[in-house]
Amino acid sequence: MIRVAAVGDIHLGPDSRGTLRPSFETLPDCADLLLLAGDLTRHGTPEEAEVVAAEIKDLGVPVVAVLGNHDHHDGHPDEVTAILREAGAHVLEGESTVLTCGDTKVGVAGTKGFGGGFVGRCAGEFGEPVMKEFVAYSRRCADGLRGALQELAEQDCDVRVALTHFSPVPDTLAGEPLEIFPFLGSYLLAEAIDTAGADLAVHGHAHAGTEHGMTTGGVKVRNVAQPVIGRAFHVYHLRPQERAGSAAGAASTSSAGRPG
């Protein structure tokens, strides 16, 4: 059994220094890896990124992250990424990483993702150039996720996890105003996940959303935004032997966690 700890939308700033570290230091006792689902900072400044780096450095478990929209706000996402990588985190954007947890190969594919909406109520690549670029950017993010998941399949990973900031499904947005659903996620991410295959999809971004959801293909989706889970992280248990072997192999997940 693989224990995947996850949280997003921690929004750390200079006055947050040390707030999550005590909870994160318990990770070796209850998890095999930590996923960070974006919006790790408030405004994406290097100063805020240094705070995040101090919280996650030398935790005793691997840390895999994607950036969120807040982490892009100051215009320095590359510098934020570099600071987090210097602290030991695997920061992904259309990329994958393979971790060895005991005898199990765990693959994580990640992208920030973007908005656009969901089937039946989504934006299309039509009209003004700015609208075309909006949807094209969302598609590029989804294509990067698909390619990264396919790379993991070729590496024969026992467990594959899709890590995004924006949501792949509307299920986990329940509680948010319907009017902003198109700005909280895109069905293109779910298409990528179902096409390439994953055992679990984890995202953040929707602070007023719902934890549990599922793609059309049967992949379990979890919204781990900290305001949703209400703690430093949740732990999900994946049993590789229960995979169906299809693109939407359904691993068992259950949640646990430590208060934070």
C-alpha atoms as a PDB file:
ATOM      1  CA  MET A   1       0.000   0.000   0.000  1.00  0.00           C
ATOM      2  CA  ILE A   2       1.263   3.449  -0.951  1.00  0.00           C
ATOM      3  CA  ARG A   3       0.401   6.377   1.300  1.00  0.00           C
ATOM      4  CA  VAL A   4       0.071   9.636  -0.620  1.00  0.00           C
ATOM      5  CA  ALA A   5      -0.114  12.823   1.449  1.00  0.00           C
ATOM      6  CA  ALA A   6      -1.487  15.843  -0.396  1.00  0.00           C
ATOM      7  CA  VAL A   7      -2.450  19.469   0.159  1.00  0.00           C
ATOM      8  CA  GLY A   8      -2.845  22.573  -1.959  1.00  0.00           C
ATOM      9  CA  ASP A   9      -3.575  26.267  -1.529  1.00  0.00           C
ATOM     10  CA  ILE A  10      -1.448  26.738   1.560  1.00  0.00           C
ATOM     11  CA  HIS A  11      -0.766  30.362   0.488  1.00  0.00           C
ATOM     12  CA  LEU A  12       2.310  30.943   2.625  1.00  0.00           C
ATOM     13  CA  GLY A  13       3.845  34.356   3.218  1.00  0.00           C
ATOM     14  CA  PRO A  14       6.522  35.804   5.508  1.00  0.00           C
ATOM     15  CA  ASP A  15       4.192  35.710   8.501  1.00  0.00           C
ATOM     16  CA  SER A  16       3.471  31.994   7.892  1.00  0.00           C
ATOM     17  CA  ARG A  17       7.003  30.837   8.558  1.00  0.00           C
ATOM     18  CA  GLY A  18       7.031  27.613  10.560  1.00  0.00           C
ATOM     19  CA  THR A  19       3.265  27.113  10.658  1.00  0.00           C
ATOM     20  CA  LEU A  20       3.164  23.866   8.639  1.00  0.00           C
ATOM     21  CA  ARG A  21       6.569  22.484   9.511  1.00  0.00           C
ATOM     22  CA  PRO A  22       5.503  20.676  12.732  1.00  0.00           C
ATOM     23  CA  SER A  23       2.751  18.802  10.855  1.00  0.00           C
ATOM     24  CA  PHE A  24       4.977  18.115   7.846  1.00  0.00           C
ATOM     25  CA  GLU A  25       7.629  16.618  10.121  1.00  0.00           C
ATOM     26  CA  THR A  26       5.167  13.818  10.981  1.00  0.00           C
ATOM     27  CA  LEU A  27       5.046  12.698   7.338  1.00  0.00           C
ATOM     28  CA  PRO A  28       7.631   9.890   7.590  1.00  0.00           C
ATOM     29  CA  ASP A  29       5.341   8.215  10.144  1.00  0.00           C
ATOM     30  CA  CYS A  30       2.217   8.265   7.987  1.00  0.00           C
ATOM     31  CA  ALA A  31       3.064   8.827   4.300  1.00  0.00           C
ATOM     32  CA  ASP A  32       5.455   7.779   1.552  1.00  0.00           C
ATOM     33  CA  LEU A  33       5.389  11.080  -0.355  1.00  0.00           C
ATOM     34  CA  LEU A  34       3.885  14.571  -0.247  1.00  0.00           C
ATOM     35  CA  LEU A  35       2.044  16.203  -3.149  1.00  0.00           C
ATOM     36  CA  LEU A  36       1.613  19.993  -3.246  1.00  0.00           C
ATOM     37  CA  ALA A  37      -1.256  21.020  -5.542  1.00  0.00           C
ATOM     38  CA  GLY A  38      -0.311  24.629  -6.280  1.00  0.00           C
ATOM     39  CA  ASP A  39      -0.965  28.063  -4.792  1.00  0.00           C
ATOM     40  CA  LEU A  40       1.873  27.494  -2.378  1.00  0.00           C
ATOM     41  CA  THR A  41       2.467  31.248  -2.074  1.00  0.00           C
ATOM     42  CA  ARG A  42       0.177  34.266  -1.858  1.00  0.00           C
ATOM     43  CA  HIS A  43       1.565  36.335  -4.713  1.00  0.00           C
ATOM     44  CA  GLY A  44       4.357  34.246  -6.229  1.00  0.00           C
ATOM     45  CA  THR A  45       7.252  36.301  -4.898  1.00  0.00           C
ATOM     46  CA  PRO A  46      10.678  34.761  -4.355  1.00  0.00           C
ATOM     47  CA  GLU A  47      10.464  35.815  -0.687  1.00  0.00           C
ATOM     48  CA  GLU A  48       7.287  33.777  -0.246  1.00  0.00           C
ATOM     49  CA  ALA A  49       8.811  30.856  -2.123  1.00  0.00           C
ATOM     50  CA  GLU A  50      11.681  30.825   0.376  1.00  0.00           C
ATOM     51  CA  VAL A  51       9.122  30.388   3.161  1.00  0.00           C
ATOM     52  CA  VAL A  52       7.614  27.395   1.373  1.00  0.00           C
ATOM     53  CA  ALA A  53      11.079  25.970   0.774  1.00  0.00           C
ATOM     54  CA  ALA A  54      11.882  26.101   4.485  1.00  0.00           C
ATOM     55  CA  GLU A  55       8.650  24.239   5.298  1.00  0.00           C
ATOM     56  CA  ILE A  56       9.358  21.331   2.921  1.00  0.00           C
ATOM     57  CA  LYS A  57      13.132  20.918   3.048  1.00  0.00           C
ATOM     58  CA  ASP A  58      14.526  17.624   4.421  1.00  0.00           C
ATOM     59  CA  LEU A  59      11.160  16.189   5.434  1.00  0.00           C
ATOM     60  CA  GLY A  60      12.237  12.577   5.058  1.00  0.00           C
ATOM     61  CA  VAL A  61       9.743  11.885   2.229  1.00  0.00           C
ATOM     62  CA  PRO A  62       9.841  12.999  -1.420  1.00  0.00           C
ATOM     63  CA  VAL A  63       7.937  16.193  -2.250  1.00  0.00           C
ATOM     64  CA  VAL A  64       6.297  16.707  -5.651  1.00  0.00           C
ATOM     65  CA  ALA A  65       4.633  20.012  -6.549  1.00  0.00           C
ATOM     66  CA  VAL A  66       2.940  22.007  -9.256  1.00  0.00           C
ATOM     67  CA  LEU A  67       2.504  25.757  -9.227  1.00  0.00           C
ATOM     68  CA  GLY A  68      -0.856  27.518  -9.049  1.00  0.00           C
ATOM     69  CA  ASN A  69      -2.177  30.801 -10.370  1.00  0.00           C
ATOM     70  CA  HIS A  70      -1.043  32.662  -7.223  1.00  0.00           C
ATOM     71  CA  ASP A  71       2.479  31.359  -7.766  1.00  0.00           C
ATOM     72  CA  HIS A  72       2.465  33.068 -11.186  1.00  0.00           C
ATOM     73  CA  HIS A  73       1.036  36.412 -10.059  1.00  0.00           C
ATOM     74  CA  ASP A  74       4.321  38.250  -9.449  1.00  0.00           C
ATOM     75  CA  GLY A  75       5.680  37.152 -12.820  1.00  0.00           C
ATOM     76  CA  HIS A  76       8.509  35.010 -11.442  1.00  0.00           C
ATOM     77  CA  PRO A  77       7.313  31.387 -11.751  1.00  0.00           C
ATOM     78  CA  ASP A  78      10.723  30.209 -12.935  1.00  0.00           C
ATOM     79  CA  GLU A  79      12.397  31.678  -9.869  1.00  0.00           C
ATOM     80  CA  VAL A  80       9.727  30.205  -7.570  1.00  0.00           C
ATOM     81  CA  THR A  81      10.302  26.833  -9.236  1.00  0.00           C
ATOM     82  CA  ALA A  82      14.064  27.096  -8.821  1.00  0.00           C
ATOM     83  CA  ILE A  83      13.762  27.920  -5.108  1.00  0.00           C
ATOM     84  CA  LEU A  84      11.476  24.950  -4.485  1.00  0.00           C
ATOM     85  CA  ARG A  85      13.736  22.624  -6.455  1.00  0.00           C
ATOM     86  CA  GLU A  86      16.726  23.830  -4.452  1.00  0.00           C
ATOM     87  CA  ALA A  87      14.800  22.690  -1.360  1.00  0.00           C
ATOM     88  CA  GLY A  88      14.482  19.225  -2.905  1.00  0.00           C
ATOM     89  CA  ALA A  89      10.995  19.359  -4.416  1.00  0.00           C
ATOM     90  CA  HIS A  90      10.177  17.866  -7.814  1.00  0.00           C
ATOM     91  CA  VAL A  91       8.296  20.750  -9.471  1.00  0.00           C
ATOM     92  CA  LEU A  92       6.407  19.591 -12.549  1.00  0.00           C
ATOM     93  CA  GLU A  93       4.888  21.354 -15.542  1.00  0.00           C
ATOM     94  CA  GLY A  94       4.009  18.920 -18.299  1.00  0.00           C
ATOM     95  CA  GLU A  95       6.569  16.583 -16.771  1.00  0.00           C
ATOM     96  CA  SER A  96       6.699  13.420 -14.702  1.00  0.00           C
ATOM     97  CA  THR A  97       8.839  11.937 -11.974  1.00  0.00           C
ATOM     98  CA  VAL A  98       9.205   8.369 -10.727  1.00  0.00           C
ATOM     99  CA  LEU A  99       9.713   7.668  -7.040  1.00  0.00           C
ATOM    100  CA  THR A 100      10.618   4.343  -5.483  1.00  0.00           C
ATOM    101  CA  CYS A 101       8.621   3.676  -2.327  1.00  0.00           C
ATOM    102  CA  GLY A 102       9.738   0.362  -0.944  1.00  0.00           C
ATOM    103  CA  ASP A 103       9.157  -2.131  -3.748  1.00  0.00           C
ATOM    104  CA  THR A 104       6.673   0.128  -5.534  1.00  0.00           C
ATOM    105  CA  LYS A 105       7.353   2.531  -8.399  1.00  0.00           C
ATOM    106  CA  VAL A 106       5.166   5.601  -7.980  1.00  0.00           C
ATOM    107  CA  GLY A 107       4.854   7.916 -10.951  1.00  0.00           C
ATOM    108  CA  VAL A 108       3.550  11.468 -10.642  1.00  0.00           C
ATOM    109  CA  ALA A 109       2.646  13.580 -13.670  1.00  0.00           C
ATOM    110  CA  GLY A 110       1.932  17.249 -13.142  1.00  0.00           C
ATOM    111  CA  THR A 111       0.725  20.486 -14.654  1.00  0.00           C
ATOM    112  CA  LYS A 112      -0.802  23.661 -13.292  1.00  0.00           C
ATOM    113  CA  GLY A 113      -3.619  23.281 -15.771  1.00  0.00           C
ATOM    114  CA  PHE A 114      -6.010  26.103 -16.606  1.00  0.00           C
ATOM    115  CA  GLY A 115      -9.672  26.975 -16.962  1.00  0.00           C
ATOM    116  CA  GLY A 116     -12.175  26.778 -19.765  1.00  0.00           C
ATOM    117  CA  GLY A 117     -15.070  24.882 -18.253  1.00  0.00           C
ATOM    118  CA  PHE A 118     -16.613  21.472 -18.624  1.00  0.00           C
ATOM    119  CA  VAL A 119     -18.497  19.457 -21.218  1.00  0.00           C
ATOM    120  CA  GLY A 120     -21.607  21.286 -22.353  1.00  0.00           C
ATOM    121  CA  ARG A 121     -20.533  24.566 -20.797  1.00  0.00           C
ATOM    122  CA  CYS A 122     -17.030  25.263 -21.972  1.00  0.00           C
ATOM    123  CA  ALA A 123     -15.083  27.809 -23.981  1.00  0.00           C
ATOM    124  CA  GLY A 124     -13.977  27.022 -27.522  1.00  0.00           C
ATOM    125  CA  GLU A 125     -11.084  28.083 -29.737  1.00  0.00           C
ATOM    126  CA  PHE A 126     -13.247  30.483 -31.754  1.00  0.00           C
ATOM    127  CA  GLY A 127     -13.534  34.224 -32.195  1.00  0.00           C
ATOM    128  CA  GLU A 128     -11.097  36.778 -30.856  1.00  0.00           C
ATOM    129  CA  PRO A 129      -7.405  35.883 -30.678  1.00  0.00           C
ATOM    130  CA  VAL A 130      -7.396  36.307 -26.892  1.00  0.00           C
ATOM    131  CA  MET A 131     -10.190  33.727 -26.528  1.00  0.00           C
ATOM    132  CA  LYS A 132      -8.416  31.317 -28.863  1.00  0.00           C
ATOM    133  CA  GLU A 133      -5.232  31.689 -26.831  1.00  0.00           C
ATOM    134  CA  PHE A 134      -7.135  31.142 -23.557  1.00  0.00           C
ATOM    135  CA  VAL A 135      -8.410  27.762 -24.733  1.00  0.00           C
ATOM    136  CA  ALA A 136      -5.187  26.874 -26.549  1.00  0.00           C
ATOM    137  CA  TYR A 137      -3.216  27.425 -23.335  1.00  0.00           C
ATOM    138  CA  SER A 138      -5.579  25.150 -21.421  1.00  0.00           C
ATOM    139  CA  ARG A 139      -5.182  22.529 -24.144  1.00  0.00           C
ATOM    140  CA  ARG A 140      -1.388  22.776 -24.015  1.00  0.00           C
ATOM    141  CA  CYS A 141      -1.459  22.157 -20.269  1.00  0.00           C
ATOM    142  CA  ALA A 142      -3.704  19.129 -20.740  1.00  0.00           C
ATOM    143  CA  ASP A 143      -1.535  17.795 -23.552  1.00  0.00           C
ATOM    144  CA  GLY A 144       1.500  18.106 -21.305  1.00  0.00           C
ATOM    145  CA  LEU A 145      -0.270  16.127 -18.594  1.00  0.00           C
ATOM    146  CA  ARG A 146      -1.303  13.440 -21.069  1.00  0.00           C
ATOM    147  CA  GLY A 147       2.225  13.080 -22.374  1.00  0.00           C
ATOM    148  CA  ALA A 148       3.674  12.893 -18.875  1.00  0.00           C
ATOM    149  CA  LEU A 149       1.193  10.183 -17.835  1.00  0.00           C
ATOM    150  CA  GLN A 150       1.997   8.209 -20.972  1.00  0.00           C
ATOM    151  CA  GLU A 151       5.696   8.408 -20.130  1.00  0.00           C
ATOM    152  CA  LEU A 152       4.918   6.873 -16.751  1.00  0.00           C
ATOM    153  CA  ALA A 153       2.985   4.046 -18.402  1.00  0.00           C
ATOM    154  CA  GLU A 154       6.012   3.289 -20.555  1.00  0.00           C
ATOM    155  CA  GLN A 155       8.136   3.143 -17.403  1.00  0.00           C
ATOM    156  CA  ASP A 156       5.840   0.463 -15.973  1.00  0.00           C
ATOM    157  CA  CYS A 157       4.956   2.357 -12.802  1.00  0.00           C
ATOM    158  CA  ASP A 158       2.892   0.469 -10.244  1.00  0.00           C
ATOM    159  CA  VAL A 159       0.921   3.584  -9.318  1.00  0.00           C
ATOM    160  CA  ARG A 160       0.305   6.736 -11.390  1.00  0.00           C
ATOM    161  CA  VAL A 161      -0.979  10.002  -9.954  1.00  0.00           C
ATOM    162  CA  ALA A 162      -2.051  13.103 -11.877  1.00  0.00           C
ATOM    163  CA  LEU A 163      -1.243  16.291  -9.962  1.00  0.00           C
ATOM    164  CA  THR A 164      -2.814  19.601 -11.055  1.00  0.00           C
ATOM    165  CA  HIS A 165      -3.871  22.902  -9.566  1.00  0.00           C
ATOM    166  CA  PHE A 166      -6.988  23.466 -11.660  1.00  0.00           C
ATOM    167  CA  SER A 167      -9.729  20.857 -11.445  1.00  0.00           C
ATOM    168  CA  PRO A 168     -10.323  18.189 -14.106  1.00  0.00           C
ATOM    169  CA  VAL A 169     -13.973  17.626 -13.114  1.00  0.00           C
ATOM    170  CA  PRO A 170     -16.939  19.701 -11.910  1.00  0.00           C
ATOM    171  CA  ASP A 171     -17.729  17.248  -9.074  1.00  0.00           C
ATOM    172  CA  THR A 172     -15.072  18.670  -6.772  1.00  0.00           C
ATOM    173  CA  LEU A 173     -16.254  22.229  -7.429  1.00  0.00           C
ATOM    174  CA  ALA A 174     -19.616  21.656  -5.746  1.00  0.00           C
ATOM    175  CA  GLY A 175     -20.052  24.526  -3.290  1.00  0.00           C
ATOM    176  CA  GLU A 176     -18.456  27.103  -5.564  1.00  0.00           C
ATOM    177  CA  PRO A 177     -20.699  29.511  -7.527  1.00  0.00           C
ATOM    178  CA  LEU A 178     -21.648  27.945 -10.866  1.00  0.00           C
ATOM    179  CA  GLU A 179     -20.699  31.181 -12.596  1.00  0.00           C
ATOM    180  CA  ILE A 180     -16.989  30.673 -11.852  1.00  0.00           C
ATOM    181  CA  PHE A 181     -16.718  26.967 -12.765  1.00  0.00           C
ATOM    182  CA  PRO A 182     -15.059  27.839 -16.123  1.00  0.00           C
ATOM    183  CA  PHE A 183     -12.281  29.607 -14.204  1.00  0.00           C
ATOM    184  CA  LEU A 184     -11.709  26.711 -11.806  1.00  0.00           C
ATOM    185  CA  GLY A 185     -10.910  23.911 -14.223  1.00  0.00           C
ATOM    186  CA  SER A 186     -11.253  22.238 -17.587  1.00  0.00           C
ATOM    187  CA  TYR A 187     -12.627  18.974 -18.942  1.00  0.00           C
ATOM    188  CA  LEU A 188      -9.464  18.787 -21.075  1.00  0.00           C
ATOM    189  CA  LEU A 189      -7.535  17.715 -17.977  1.00  0.00           C
ATOM    190  CA  ALA A 190      -9.979  14.865 -17.355  1.00  0.00           C
ATOM    191  CA  GLU A 191      -9.717  13.794 -20.991  1.00  0.00           C
ATOM    192  CA  ALA A 192      -5.948  13.640 -20.628  1.00  0.00           C
ATOM    193  CA  ILE A 193      -6.204  11.607 -17.430  1.00  0.00           C
ATOM    194  CA  ASP A 194      -8.703   9.141 -18.871  1.00  0.00           C
ATOM    195  CA  THR A 195      -6.821   8.772 -22.141  1.00  0.00           C
ATOM    196  CA  ALA A 196      -3.400   8.147 -20.625  1.00  0.00           C
ATOM    197  CA  GLY A 197      -4.548   6.486 -17.387  1.00  0.00           C
ATOM    198  CA  ALA A 198      -4.026   7.218 -13.707  1.00  0.00           C
ATOM    199  CA  ASP A 199      -4.912   5.727 -10.350  1.00  0.00           C
ATOM    200  CA  LEU A 200      -5.672   9.031  -8.651  1.00  0.00           C
ATOM    201  CA  ALA A 201      -6.005  12.687  -9.632  1.00  0.00           C
ATOM    202  CA  VAL A 202      -5.263  15.410  -7.085  1.00  0.00           C
ATOM    203  CA  HIS A 203      -5.935  19.143  -7.450  1.00  0.00           C
ATOM    204  CA  GLY A 204      -6.552  22.320  -5.457  1.00  0.00           C
ATOM    205  CA  HIS A 205      -7.776  25.835  -6.411  1.00  0.00           C
ATOM    206  CA  ALA A 206     -11.446  25.443  -5.396  1.00  0.00           C
ATOM    207  CA  HIS A 207     -11.457  26.678  -1.796  1.00  0.00           C
ATOM    208  CA  ALA A 208     -15.217  26.291  -1.388  1.00  0.00           C
ATOM    209  CA  GLY A 209     -15.420  23.028  -3.305  1.00  0.00           C
ATOM    210  CA  THR A 210     -15.817  19.378  -2.353  1.00  0.00           C
ATOM    211  CA  GLU A 211     -13.133  16.774  -1.717  1.00  0.00           C
ATOM    212  CA  HIS A 212     -14.429  13.791  -3.680  1.00  0.00           C
ATOM    213  CA  GLY A 213     -15.044  13.428  -7.408  1.00  0.00           C
ATOM    214  CA  MET A 214     -14.458  11.100 -10.346  1.00  0.00           C
ATOM    215  CA  THR A 215     -13.665  11.357 -14.047  1.00  0.00           C
ATOM    216  CA  THR A 216     -15.962   9.859 -16.664  1.00  0.00           C
ATOM    217  CA  GLY A 217     -13.418   7.072 -17.054  1.00  0.00           C
ATOM    218  CA  GLY A 218     -13.569   6.157 -13.372  1.00  0.00           C
ATOM    219  CA  VAL A 219     -10.411   7.792 -12.019  1.00  0.00           C
ATOM    220  CA  LYS A 220     -10.908   9.085  -8.500  1.00  0.00           C
ATOM    221  CA  VAL A 221     -10.352  12.830  -8.097  1.00  0.00           C
ATOM    222  CA  ARG A 222      -9.567  14.591  -4.828  1.00  0.00           C
ATOM    223  CA  ASN A 223      -9.687  18.332  -4.151  1.00  0.00           C
ATOM    224  CA  VAL A 224      -6.997  18.872  -1.522  1.00  0.00           C
ATOM    225  CA  ALA A 225      -7.220  22.656  -1.218  1.00  0.00           C
ATOM    226  CA  GLN A 226      -6.438  23.288   2.440  1.00  0.00           C
ATOM    227  CA  PRO A 227      -9.720  25.154   3.078  1.00  0.00           C
ATOM    228  CA  VAL A 228     -11.525  22.012   1.854  1.00  0.00           C
ATOM    229  CA  ILE A 229      -9.607  19.346   3.768  1.00  0.00           C
ATOM    230  CA  GLY A 230      -9.201  21.570   6.842  1.00  0.00           C
ATOM    231  CA  ARG A 231      -5.787  20.318   7.906  1.00  0.00           C
ATOM    232  CA  ALA A 232      -2.127  20.294   6.964  1.00  0.00           C
ATOM    233  CA  PHE A 233      -2.624  17.390   4.551  1.00  0.00           C
ATOM    234  CA  HIS A 234      -4.722  14.337   3.811  1.00  0.00           C
ATOM    235  CA  VAL A 235      -3.311  10.867   3.223  1.00  0.00           C
ATOM    236  CA  TYR A 236      -4.726   8.627   0.479  1.00  0.00           C
ATOM    237  CA  HIS A 237      -3.971   4.916   0.360  1.00  0.00           C
ATOM    238  CA  LEU A 238      -3.363   3.318  -3.037  1.00  0.00           C
ATOM    239  CA  ARG A 239      -3.235  -0.438  -3.485  1.00  0.00           C
ATOM    240  CA  PRO A 240      -1.386  -1.164  -6.737  1.00  0.00           C
ATOM    241  CA  GLN A 241      -2.580  -4.767  -6.867  1.00  0.00           C
ATOM    242  CA  GLU A 242      -6.146  -3.562  -7.304  1.00  0.00           C
ATOM    243  CA  ARG A 243      -5.428  -1.791 -10.591  1.00  0.00           C
ATOM    244  CA  ALA A 244      -7.638  -2.963 -13.414  1.00  0.00           C
ATOM    245  CA  GLY A 245      -4.864  -2.589 -15.956  1.00  0.00           C
ATOM    246  CA  SER A 246      -6.908  -0.265 -18.154  1.00  0.00           C
ATOM    247  CA  ALA A 247      -6.391   3.424 -18.862  1.00  0.00           C
ATOM    248  CA  ALA A 248      -8.714   4.190 -15.971  1.00  0.00           C
ATOM    249  CA  GLY A 249      -7.450   1.594 -13.517  1.00  0.00           C
ATOM    250  CA  ALA A 250      -9.372   2.064 -10.283  1.00  0.00           C
ATOM    251  CA  ALA A 251      -7.067   1.873  -7.305  1.00  0.00           C
ATOM    252  CA  SER A 252      -8.641   1.980  -3.882  1.00  0.00           C
ATOM    253  CA  THR A 253      -8.280   5.250  -2.027  1.00  0.00           C
ATOM    254  CA  SER A 254      -9.101   6.188   1.523  1.00  0.00           C
ATOM    255  CA  SER A 255      -8.347   9.321   3.436  1.00  0.00           C
ATOM    256  CA  ALA A 256      -6.618   9.949   6.686  1.00  0.00           C
ATOM    257  CA  GLY A 257      -4.492  12.798   7.884  1.00  0.00           C
ATOM    258  CA  ARG A 258      -2.958  14.842  10.603  1.00  0.00           C
ATOM    259  CA  PRO A 259      -4.501  17.974  12.003  1.00  0.00           C
ATOM    260  CA  GLY A 260      -2.670  21.100  11.030  1.00  0.00           C
END
